[in-house]
Amino acid sequence: MDPLFGSETRARVLEQLAATPRAQSAYRVAQAVGAEPVQVIRILKGLEGLTEHSAEGWVLTNELLRDFLRDRLALREARVRFEKDALLVHFGLRPRSKHGSGRVRQGNRVRT
């Protein structure tokens, strides 16, 4: 995703802001994405018009971007969950019924 946003860190910062509805401090965002706070502050200040800073912290204000990033995160989560369930079935284990797809829960092997 970094070609779209310019850098991997910028993409992760935007995803972190999109994933949470509440304002976050730059320090908390930096911890979540594994970057230096100074680097995150520089990124957030450079995203003027997309982000907003208040006493509570930083928020992503562009709703179109927020929706795009949330959709990407949901797709990534679903793919990882499916791969995990497929691995569990491959090794003869049963995935949790809460997350496992119907084919996997029934005990069928998943074809790749």
Protein backbone atom coordinates (compact mmCIF):
# COMPACT_ATOMS: atom_id res chain seq x y z
CA MET A 1 0.00 0.00 0.00
CA ASP A 2 2.96 2.34 0.41
CA PRO A 3 3.07 3.40 -3.29
CA LEU A 4 -0.42 4.81 -2.82
CA PHE A 5 0.44 6.81 0.30
CA GLY A 6 4.12 7.52 -0.24
CA SER A 7 5.56 5.41 2.56
CA GLU A 8 4.75 2.37 4.64
CA THR A 9 4.75 4.43 7.84
CA ARG A 10 2.32 7.00 6.42
CA ALA A 11 0.00 4.20 5.32
CA ARG A 12 0.10 2.58 8.77
CA VAL A 13 -0.54 5.94 10.49
CA LEU A 14 -3.58 6.55 8.31
CA GLU A 15 -4.85 3.01 8.91
CA GLN A 16 -4.44 3.45 12.65
CA LEU A 17 -6.44 6.69 12.60
CA ALA A 18 -9.12 5.11 10.41
CA ALA A 19 -9.43 2.04 12.63
CA THR A 20 -10.41 3.95 15.73
CA PRO A 21 -13.31 6.40 16.08
CA ARG A 22 -11.67 8.33 18.93
CA ALA A 23 -8.89 10.87 18.78
CA GLN A 24 -5.42 9.50 19.51
CA SER A 25 -2.22 11.14 20.60
CA ALA A 26 0.72 11.02 18.22
CA TYR A 27 2.57 8.97 20.85
CA ARG A 28 -0.20 6.32 20.93
CA VAL A 29 -0.28 6.17 17.12
CA ALA A 30 3.52 5.81 17.06
CA GLN A 31 3.34 2.91 19.52
CA ALA A 32 0.63 1.19 17.50
CA VAL A 33 2.47 1.43 14.17
CA GLY A 34 5.99 0.89 15.50
CA ALA A 35 7.41 4.27 14.54
CA GLU A 36 9.11 7.14 16.30
CA PRO A 37 6.73 9.79 17.74
CA VAL A 38 8.63 12.58 15.99
CA GLN A 39 8.18 10.83 12.65
CA VAL A 40 4.45 10.34 13.30
CA ILE A 41 3.98 14.00 14.26
CA ARG A 42 5.74 15.06 11.05
CA ILE A 43 3.47 12.78 9.02
CA LEU A 44 0.31 13.99 10.77
CA LYS A 45 1.21 17.64 10.27
CA GLY A 46 1.91 16.93 6.60
CA LEU A 47 -1.58 15.50 6.15
CA GLU A 48 -3.28 18.86 6.61
CA GLY A 49 -6.83 18.70 5.31
CA LEU A 50 -7.07 14.97 6.02
CA THR A 51 -6.32 15.06 9.73
CA GLU A 52 -7.21 17.40 12.54
CA HIS A 53 -5.55 17.98 15.88
CA SER A 54 -7.46 18.82 19.05
CA ALA A 55 -6.81 18.66 22.77
CA GLU A 56 -7.81 14.97 22.74
CA GLY A 57 -5.45 14.06 19.90
CA TRP A 58 -5.47 13.44 16.16
CA VAL A 59 -8.42 12.30 14.06
CA LEU A 60 -8.86 11.44 10.41
CA THR A 61 -11.42 13.92 9.09
CA ASN A 62 -11.75 12.78 5.47
CA GLU A 63 -14.65 10.30 5.48
CA LEU A 64 -13.93 8.91 2.00
CA LEU A 65 -10.38 8.04 3.02
CA ARG A 66 -11.60 6.61 6.33
CA ASP A 67 -14.10 4.34 4.55
CA PHE A 68 -11.48 3.23 2.02
CA LEU A 69 -8.98 2.34 4.73
CA ARG A 70 -11.56 0.56 6.89
CA ASP A 71 -12.63 -1.54 3.91
CA ARG A 72 -9.00 -2.48 3.23
CA LEU A 73 -8.51 -3.41 6.89
CA ALA A 74 -11.67 -5.54 6.91
CA LEU A 75 -10.59 -7.37 3.76
CA ARG A 76 -7.12 -8.01 5.17
CA GLU A 77 -8.61 -9.31 8.44
CA ALA A 78 -10.96 -11.65 6.59
CA ARG A 79 -8.12 -12.99 4.44
CA VAL A 80 -5.87 -13.60 7.45
CA ARG A 81 -8.72 -15.27 9.35
CA PHE A 82 -9.46 -17.55 6.38
CA GLU A 83 -5.78 -18.49 5.99
CA LYS A 84 -5.50 -19.23 9.69
CA ASP A 85 -8.59 -21.44 9.60
CA ALA A 86 -7.27 -23.27 6.54
CA LEU A 87 -3.97 -23.97 8.32
CA LEU A 88 -5.76 -25.26 11.39
CA VAL A 89 -7.82 -27.65 9.28
CA HIS A 90 -4.72 -28.75 7.37
CA PHE A 91 -3.06 -29.77 10.64
CA GLY A 92 -6.18 -31.55 11.87
CA LEU A 93 -7.24 -28.88 14.34
CA ARG A 94 -10.63 -27.25 14.52
CA PRO A 95 -10.95 -23.49 14.12
CA ARG A 96 -13.16 -21.57 16.46
CA SER A 97 -16.72 -21.76 15.22
CA LYS A 98 -17.15 -18.04 15.77
CA HIS A 99 -14.64 -17.17 13.02
CA GLY A 100 -14.30 -20.29 10.88
CA SER A 101 -15.95 -20.33 7.50
CA GLY A 102 -18.75 -22.83 6.95
CA ARG A 103 -16.59 -25.16 4.85
CA VAL A 104 -13.85 -25.20 7.45
CA ARG A 105 -16.20 -25.69 10.41
CA GLN A 106 -17.71 -28.74 8.73
CA GLY A 107 -14.28 -30.36 8.72
CA ASN A 108 -13.65 -30.17 5.00
CA ARG A 109 -10.19 -29.40 3.82
CA VAL A 110 -9.81 -26.03 2.14
CA ARG A 111 -8.23 -26.05 -1.28
CA THR A 112 -5.81 -23.32 -2.24
